[in-house]
Amino acid sequence: MPDTIQRPENVYARYHAHLYFGPDTVEQARALATRAGELFHVGVGRVHEREVGPHPRWSCQLSFDSAEFERIIPWLESERKGLDVFVHGVTGDDLADHTTHASWLGEPAELKLEMFRR
């Protein structure tokens, strides 16, 4: 883990934001994702009550583009209420997207990157 947390910057055409939560915060995350879908032009993915892909915690994916970035990132920062949010560009290079193109709202988590290093 880097010593400093990289903050989200609007430098890619498309993005994913993954809300991280657990059993005690699943309803909070579900409400946040639903509200994001109502307020912004974002795709709201399934609320996974298990670890999926490279994510070390339960998660829900929000998909959006650079036009929506400047609206949704500050909103997520103010409304996440303790939830950690992993934000990354979507460039077609999964390993880079989840490392070099990655940033956080909240505390970073160690991703399971082995799946991208085949």
N, C-alpha and C. Protein backbone atom coordinates (compact mmCIF):
# COMPACT_ATOMS: atom_id res chain seq x y z
N MET A 1 0.84 -1.19 0.00
CA MET A 1 0.00 0.00 0.00
C MET A 1 0.88 1.25 0.00
N PRO A 2 0.52 2.23 -0.81
CA PRO A 2 1.28 3.48 -0.79
C PRO A 2 1.05 4.22 0.51
N ASP A 3 1.99 5.09 0.86
CA ASP A 3 1.87 5.87 2.10
C ASP A 3 0.78 6.92 2.03
N THR A 4 0.52 7.43 0.83
CA THR A 4 -0.52 8.43 0.67
C THR A 4 -1.66 7.84 -0.17
N ILE A 5 -2.86 8.24 0.16
CA ILE A 5 -4.04 7.75 -0.56
C ILE A 5 -4.24 8.63 -1.79
N GLN A 6 -4.28 8.00 -2.95
CA GLN A 6 -4.52 8.75 -4.18
C GLN A 6 -5.99 9.12 -4.26
N ARG A 7 -6.25 10.40 -4.44
CA ARG A 7 -7.62 10.91 -4.56
C ARG A 7 -8.09 10.77 -6.01
N PRO A 8 -9.37 10.56 -6.23
CA PRO A 8 -9.89 10.45 -7.60
C PRO A 8 -9.66 11.72 -8.41
N GLU A 9 -9.22 11.54 -9.65
CA GLU A 9 -9.06 12.63 -10.61
C GLU A 9 -9.76 12.23 -11.90
N ASN A 10 -10.33 13.22 -12.56
CA ASN A 10 -11.10 12.98 -13.78
C ASN A 10 -10.17 12.99 -15.00
N VAL A 11 -9.55 11.85 -15.28
CA VAL A 11 -8.59 11.76 -16.39
C VAL A 11 -8.91 10.64 -17.38
N TYR A 12 -9.98 9.87 -17.15
CA TYR A 12 -10.34 8.76 -18.02
C TYR A 12 -11.74 9.00 -18.58
N ALA A 13 -12.08 8.30 -19.64
CA ALA A 13 -13.40 8.46 -20.26
C ALA A 13 -14.49 7.78 -19.44
N ARG A 14 -14.16 6.63 -18.83
CA ARG A 14 -15.15 5.86 -18.07
C ARG A 14 -14.57 5.45 -16.72
N TYR A 15 -15.48 5.23 -15.76
CA TYR A 15 -15.09 4.90 -14.39
C TYR A 15 -16.00 3.86 -13.77
N HIS A 16 -15.45 3.19 -12.77
CA HIS A 16 -16.22 2.39 -11.83
C HIS A 16 -15.91 2.92 -10.44
N ALA A 17 -16.91 2.97 -9.61
CA ALA A 17 -16.75 3.22 -8.18
C ALA A 17 -17.36 2.02 -7.47
N HIS A 18 -16.60 1.39 -6.61
CA HIS A 18 -17.07 0.21 -5.88
C HIS A 18 -17.28 0.60 -4.43
N LEU A 19 -18.53 0.52 -3.99
CA LEU A 19 -18.85 0.77 -2.59
C LEU A 19 -18.49 -0.49 -1.82
N TYR A 20 -17.71 -0.36 -0.77
CA TYR A 20 -17.33 -1.50 0.07
C TYR A 20 -18.13 -1.44 1.36
N PHE A 21 -18.59 -2.61 1.79
CA PHE A 21 -19.43 -2.69 2.98
C PHE A 21 -19.34 -4.09 3.56
N GLY A 22 -20.02 -4.29 4.66
CA GLY A 22 -20.08 -5.59 5.31
C GLY A 22 -21.49 -5.85 5.82
N PRO A 23 -21.66 -6.90 6.61
CA PRO A 23 -22.99 -7.25 7.10
C PRO A 23 -23.69 -6.12 7.86
N ASP A 24 -22.92 -5.32 8.59
CA ASP A 24 -23.51 -4.25 9.39
C ASP A 24 -23.83 -2.99 8.59
N THR A 25 -23.28 -2.90 7.36
CA THR A 25 -23.48 -1.69 6.57
C THR A 25 -24.09 -1.97 5.20
N VAL A 26 -24.57 -3.19 4.98
CA VAL A 26 -25.13 -3.54 3.67
C VAL A 26 -26.33 -2.67 3.32
N GLU A 27 -27.20 -2.38 4.26
CA GLU A 27 -28.38 -1.56 3.96
C GLU A 27 -27.98 -0.12 3.68
N GLN A 28 -26.96 0.37 4.38
CA GLN A 28 -26.44 1.71 4.10
C GLN A 28 -25.90 1.78 2.67
N ALA A 29 -25.14 0.77 2.27
CA ALA A 29 -24.57 0.74 0.92
C ALA A 29 -25.67 0.61 -0.13
N ARG A 30 -26.65 -0.23 0.14
CA ARG A 30 -27.77 -0.40 -0.80
C ARG A 30 -28.50 0.93 -1.01
N ALA A 31 -28.75 1.65 0.08
CA ALA A 31 -29.44 2.94 -0.01
C ALA A 31 -28.58 3.96 -0.76
N LEU A 32 -27.28 3.97 -0.52
CA LEU A 32 -26.38 4.90 -1.21
C LEU A 32 -26.36 4.61 -2.71
N ALA A 33 -26.26 3.34 -3.07
CA ALA A 33 -26.25 2.96 -4.49
C ALA A 33 -27.56 3.33 -5.17
N THR A 34 -28.67 3.05 -4.51
CA THR A 34 -29.99 3.38 -5.06
C THR A 34 -30.11 4.88 -5.27
N ARG A 35 -29.69 5.66 -4.28
CA ARG A 35 -29.77 7.12 -4.38
C ARG A 35 -28.88 7.64 -5.50
N ALA A 36 -27.67 7.08 -5.64
CA ALA A 36 -26.78 7.48 -6.74
C ALA A 36 -27.45 7.23 -8.08
N GLY A 37 -28.14 6.11 -8.21
CA GLY A 37 -28.85 5.79 -9.45
C GLY A 37 -29.98 6.74 -9.75
N GLU A 38 -30.61 7.27 -8.70
CA GLU A 38 -31.70 8.22 -8.88
C GLU A 38 -31.20 9.61 -9.25
N LEU A 39 -30.06 10.00 -8.70
CA LEU A 39 -29.57 11.37 -8.85
C LEU A 39 -28.63 11.60 -10.03
N PHE A 40 -27.96 10.53 -10.47
CA PHE A 40 -26.90 10.68 -11.46
C PHE A 40 -27.10 9.72 -12.63
N HIS A 41 -26.39 9.97 -13.71
CA HIS A 41 -26.38 9.05 -14.85
C HIS A 41 -25.32 7.99 -14.58
N VAL A 42 -25.67 7.04 -13.73
CA VAL A 42 -24.76 5.95 -13.37
C VAL A 42 -25.47 4.62 -13.52
N GLY A 43 -24.70 3.62 -13.87
CA GLY A 43 -25.22 2.26 -13.83
C GLY A 43 -24.98 1.72 -12.44
N VAL A 44 -26.00 1.12 -11.86
CA VAL A 44 -25.88 0.55 -10.51
C VAL A 44 -25.87 -0.96 -10.63
N GLY A 45 -24.79 -1.56 -10.20
CA GLY A 45 -24.64 -3.00 -10.26
C GLY A 45 -25.30 -3.71 -9.10
N ARG A 46 -25.14 -5.00 -9.08
CA ARG A 46 -25.69 -5.84 -8.03
C ARG A 46 -24.97 -5.56 -6.70
N VAL A 47 -25.71 -5.64 -5.62
CA VAL A 47 -25.14 -5.56 -4.28
C VAL A 47 -24.66 -6.96 -3.92
N HIS A 48 -23.35 -7.15 -3.96
CA HIS A 48 -22.76 -8.47 -3.71
C HIS A 48 -22.50 -8.65 -2.22
N GLU A 49 -23.24 -9.56 -1.61
CA GLU A 49 -23.04 -9.87 -0.19
C GLU A 49 -22.05 -11.03 -0.07
N ARG A 50 -20.95 -10.90 -0.80
CA ARG A 50 -19.82 -11.83 -0.78
C ARG A 50 -18.71 -11.13 -1.55
N GLU A 51 -17.50 -11.65 -1.44
CA GLU A 51 -16.39 -11.10 -2.19
C GLU A 51 -16.49 -11.55 -3.65
N VAL A 52 -16.30 -10.63 -4.58
CA VAL A 52 -16.31 -10.95 -6.01
C VAL A 52 -15.11 -10.31 -6.68
N GLY A 53 -14.60 -10.95 -7.71
CA GLY A 53 -13.48 -10.41 -8.47
C GLY A 53 -12.30 -10.08 -7.57
N PRO A 54 -11.68 -8.94 -7.79
CA PRO A 54 -10.50 -8.57 -7.00
C PRO A 54 -10.85 -7.92 -5.66
N HIS A 55 -12.13 -7.80 -5.37
CA HIS A 55 -12.55 -7.03 -4.20
C HIS A 55 -12.52 -7.87 -2.92
N PRO A 56 -11.81 -7.36 -1.90
CA PRO A 56 -11.63 -8.12 -0.66
C PRO A 56 -12.78 -7.99 0.33
N ARG A 57 -13.81 -7.25 -0.06
CA ARG A 57 -14.99 -7.06 0.79
C ARG A 57 -16.23 -7.11 -0.08
N TRP A 58 -17.38 -7.17 0.56
CA TRP A 58 -18.63 -7.08 -0.17
C TRP A 58 -18.64 -5.74 -0.91
N SER A 59 -19.31 -5.70 -2.08
CA SER A 59 -19.23 -4.48 -2.87
C SER A 59 -20.43 -4.31 -3.79
N CYS A 60 -20.58 -3.08 -4.27
CA CYS A 60 -21.56 -2.73 -5.29
C CYS A 60 -20.89 -1.75 -6.24
N GLN A 61 -21.01 -2.00 -7.53
CA GLN A 61 -20.34 -1.18 -8.53
C GLN A 61 -21.26 -0.11 -9.10
N LEU A 62 -20.73 1.10 -9.20
CA LEU A 62 -21.38 2.19 -9.92
C LEU A 62 -20.55 2.46 -11.16
N SER A 63 -21.18 2.57 -12.33
CA SER A 63 -20.49 2.83 -13.59
C SER A 63 -20.91 4.21 -14.09
N PHE A 64 -19.92 5.00 -14.51
CA PHE A 64 -20.23 6.35 -14.99
C PHE A 64 -19.11 6.83 -15.91
N ASP A 65 -19.36 7.97 -16.57
CA ASP A 65 -18.36 8.50 -17.48
C ASP A 65 -17.78 9.80 -16.94
N SER A 66 -16.82 10.34 -17.68
CA SER A 66 -16.10 11.53 -17.22
C SER A 66 -17.03 12.74 -17.07
N ALA A 67 -18.10 12.80 -17.85
CA ALA A 67 -19.05 13.91 -17.74
C ALA A 67 -19.75 13.91 -16.38
N GLU A 68 -19.95 12.74 -15.80
CA GLU A 68 -20.65 12.61 -14.51
C GLU A 68 -19.67 12.66 -13.34
N PHE A 69 -18.39 12.46 -13.61
CA PHE A 69 -17.37 12.36 -12.56
C PHE A 69 -17.42 13.53 -11.58
N GLU A 70 -17.42 14.76 -12.10
CA GLU A 70 -17.33 15.96 -11.25
C GLU A 70 -18.56 16.13 -10.36
N ARG A 71 -19.66 15.48 -10.70
CA ARG A 71 -20.86 15.55 -9.87
C ARG A 71 -20.90 14.43 -8.85
N ILE A 72 -20.55 13.21 -9.28
CA ILE A 72 -20.77 12.08 -8.39
C ILE A 72 -19.66 11.90 -7.35
N ILE A 73 -18.41 12.19 -7.70
CA ILE A 73 -17.32 11.97 -6.73
C ILE A 73 -17.48 12.84 -5.48
N PRO A 74 -17.72 14.15 -5.61
CA PRO A 74 -17.94 14.94 -4.39
C PRO A 74 -19.17 14.47 -3.60
N TRP A 75 -20.20 14.06 -4.32
CA TRP A 75 -21.41 13.56 -3.66
C TRP A 75 -21.10 12.29 -2.88
N LEU A 76 -20.38 11.35 -3.51
CA LEU A 76 -20.00 10.12 -2.81
C LEU A 76 -19.16 10.44 -1.58
N GLU A 77 -18.24 11.38 -1.71
CA GLU A 77 -17.39 11.75 -0.58
C GLU A 77 -18.23 12.25 0.59
N SER A 78 -19.23 13.08 0.30
CA SER A 78 -20.04 13.65 1.38
C SER A 78 -21.09 12.68 1.92
N GLU A 79 -21.54 11.72 1.10
CA GLU A 79 -22.64 10.85 1.49
C GLU A 79 -22.22 9.44 1.91
N ARG A 80 -20.95 9.08 1.80
CA ARG A 80 -20.53 7.70 2.06
C ARG A 80 -20.58 7.34 3.55
N LYS A 81 -20.56 8.31 4.42
CA LYS A 81 -20.76 8.09 5.86
C LYS A 81 -19.97 6.91 6.41
N GLY A 82 -18.67 6.92 6.14
CA GLY A 82 -17.79 5.89 6.67
C GLY A 82 -17.55 4.71 5.75
N LEU A 83 -18.33 4.56 4.69
CA LEU A 83 -18.06 3.49 3.74
C LEU A 83 -16.81 3.84 2.94
N ASP A 84 -16.03 2.85 2.59
CA ASP A 84 -14.88 3.05 1.72
C ASP A 84 -15.33 2.85 0.28
N VAL A 85 -14.79 3.68 -0.61
CA VAL A 85 -15.16 3.62 -2.02
C VAL A 85 -13.89 3.55 -2.87
N PHE A 86 -13.79 2.48 -3.65
CA PHE A 86 -12.68 2.28 -4.57
C PHE A 86 -13.10 2.81 -5.93
N VAL A 87 -12.34 3.76 -6.48
CA VAL A 87 -12.66 4.40 -7.75
C VAL A 87 -11.54 4.11 -8.74
N HIS A 88 -11.90 3.68 -9.95
CA HIS A 88 -10.85 3.45 -10.95
C HIS A 88 -11.34 3.75 -12.36
N GLY A 89 -10.39 4.13 -13.20
CA GLY A 89 -10.68 4.31 -14.61
C GLY A 89 -10.93 2.96 -15.26
N VAL A 90 -11.67 2.98 -16.36
CA VAL A 90 -11.95 1.78 -17.14
C VAL A 90 -11.31 1.99 -18.51
N THR A 91 -10.13 1.38 -18.71
CA THR A 91 -9.36 1.61 -19.93
C THR A 91 -9.20 0.36 -20.78
N GLY A 92 -9.61 -0.78 -20.25
CA GLY A 92 -9.40 -2.04 -20.96
C GLY A 92 -8.20 -2.81 -20.45
N ASP A 93 -7.38 -2.20 -19.61
CA ASP A 93 -6.23 -2.85 -18.98
C ASP A 93 -6.60 -3.08 -17.52
N ASP A 94 -7.15 -4.26 -17.21
CA ASP A 94 -7.68 -4.51 -15.88
C ASP A 94 -6.65 -4.33 -14.77
N LEU A 95 -5.44 -4.81 -14.98
CA LEU A 95 -4.42 -4.66 -13.93
C LEU A 95 -4.13 -3.19 -13.68
N ALA A 96 -3.89 -2.42 -14.73
CA ALA A 96 -3.63 -0.98 -14.56
C ALA A 96 -4.84 -0.27 -13.96
N ASP A 97 -6.04 -0.65 -14.41
CA ASP A 97 -7.24 0.00 -13.87
C ASP A 97 -7.36 -0.18 -12.36
N HIS A 98 -6.92 -1.34 -11.86
CA HIS A 98 -7.06 -1.64 -10.44
C HIS A 98 -5.81 -1.30 -9.63
N THR A 99 -4.81 -0.71 -10.28
CA THR A 99 -3.57 -0.29 -9.59
C THR A 99 -3.25 1.16 -9.95
N THR A 100 -2.65 1.37 -11.11
CA THR A 100 -2.22 2.69 -11.55
C THR A 100 -3.38 3.68 -11.66
N HIS A 101 -4.52 3.22 -12.14
CA HIS A 101 -5.68 4.09 -12.39
C HIS A 101 -6.65 4.11 -11.21
N ALA A 102 -6.18 3.67 -10.05
CA ALA A 102 -7.06 3.49 -8.89
C ALA A 102 -6.89 4.61 -7.86
N SER A 103 -7.97 4.90 -7.17
CA SER A 103 -7.97 5.88 -6.09
C SER A 103 -9.04 5.51 -5.08
N TRP A 104 -9.09 6.24 -3.98
CA TRP A 104 -9.96 5.88 -2.86
C TRP A 104 -10.66 7.08 -2.25
N LEU A 105 -11.87 6.84 -1.81
CA LEU A 105 -12.56 7.70 -0.86
C LEU A 105 -12.64 6.85 0.40
N GLY A 106 -11.91 7.22 1.42
CA GLY A 106 -11.84 6.39 2.62
C GLY A 106 -10.53 5.64 2.66
N GLU A 107 -10.53 4.51 3.36
CA GLU A 107 -9.33 3.73 3.57
C GLU A 107 -9.11 2.73 2.44
N PRO A 108 -7.90 2.67 1.89
CA PRO A 108 -7.60 1.68 0.85
C PRO A 108 -7.65 0.26 1.41
N ALA A 109 -7.96 -0.66 0.54
CA ALA A 109 -7.94 -2.09 0.88
C ALA A 109 -7.00 -2.78 -0.10
N GLU A 110 -6.41 -3.86 0.32
CA GLU A 110 -5.54 -4.66 -0.54
C GLU A 110 -6.40 -5.49 -1.48
N LEU A 111 -6.30 -5.22 -2.78
CA LEU A 111 -7.10 -5.96 -3.75
C LEU A 111 -6.44 -7.30 -4.07
N LYS A 112 -7.24 -8.23 -4.55
CA LYS A 112 -6.75 -9.55 -4.96
C LYS A 112 -6.46 -9.48 -6.47
N LEU A 113 -5.25 -9.10 -6.81
CA LEU A 113 -4.88 -8.79 -8.19
C LEU A 113 -4.39 -9.99 -8.99
N GLU A 114 -4.23 -11.15 -8.35
CA GLU A 114 -3.70 -12.34 -9.04
C GLU A 114 -4.47 -12.65 -10.31
N MET A 115 -5.77 -12.42 -10.29
CA MET A 115 -6.62 -12.76 -11.44
C MET A 115 -6.24 -11.96 -12.69
N PHE A 116 -5.57 -10.82 -12.52
CA PHE A 116 -5.17 -9.98 -13.65
C PHE A 116 -3.75 -10.27 -14.10
N ARG A 117 -3.02 -11.13 -13.41
CA ARG A 117 -1.61 -11.37 -13.69
C ARG A 117 -1.35 -12.73 -14.29
N ARG A 118 -2.25 -13.21 -15.12
CA ARG A 118 -2.08 -14.53 -15.73
C ARG A 118 -1.09 -14.50 -16.86
